[in-house]
Amino acid sequence: MQSYIWVVLIGLVGGMAVAIQAALAGIISDRMGLIENALIVFGSGFIFALVLFLTFRAGQPRDWSALPWYVILAGPLGIVIIMSIGYGIPRIGLASTLTLIILSQLVIGAVLDHYGWLTIPRPMDLPRLIGIGLLILGTWVVLR
């Protein structure tokens, strides 16, 4: 039970970080541009990750060869995410942009789960379909 509480707390902290990072990325994009936003966010993130990597000696390059080739797409997809956020926030606001991002995350997550692509299989069932329907309805309400 204690580890579950930590997972929930860490998930909540991650969600708060997404909202704050998105707001900051919106400011950068609005004042400088989308590509500059990606460069600043990922450049500073790279430096921070490198400091953590060197400080804690996390992993070894030889361990990386065990990864499938397609995991490298995480980096470019991160740029798509941050540029989408940076584009949306100055135009429709933080809550609307995050609502669209969250809806698409959960729908794609449910599809990936259903087919077991990149994750453990969890077939689609009626409660999940109802939940997705409610998410779509909620997104429509937020965007109005």
Foldseek 3Di string as FASTA:
>chain_A
DVVVVVVVVVVVVVVVVVLVLLVVLLVCCVVPRLVVSLCVVVVVVVVVVVVVCVVVVPDDPVVVVPDDPVVVVVSVVVSVVSSQSNVPCVPQHSVLSVLVVVLVVLVVVQVCQCVVPPHDHDNDDDVSVVVSVVSVVVSVVVRD
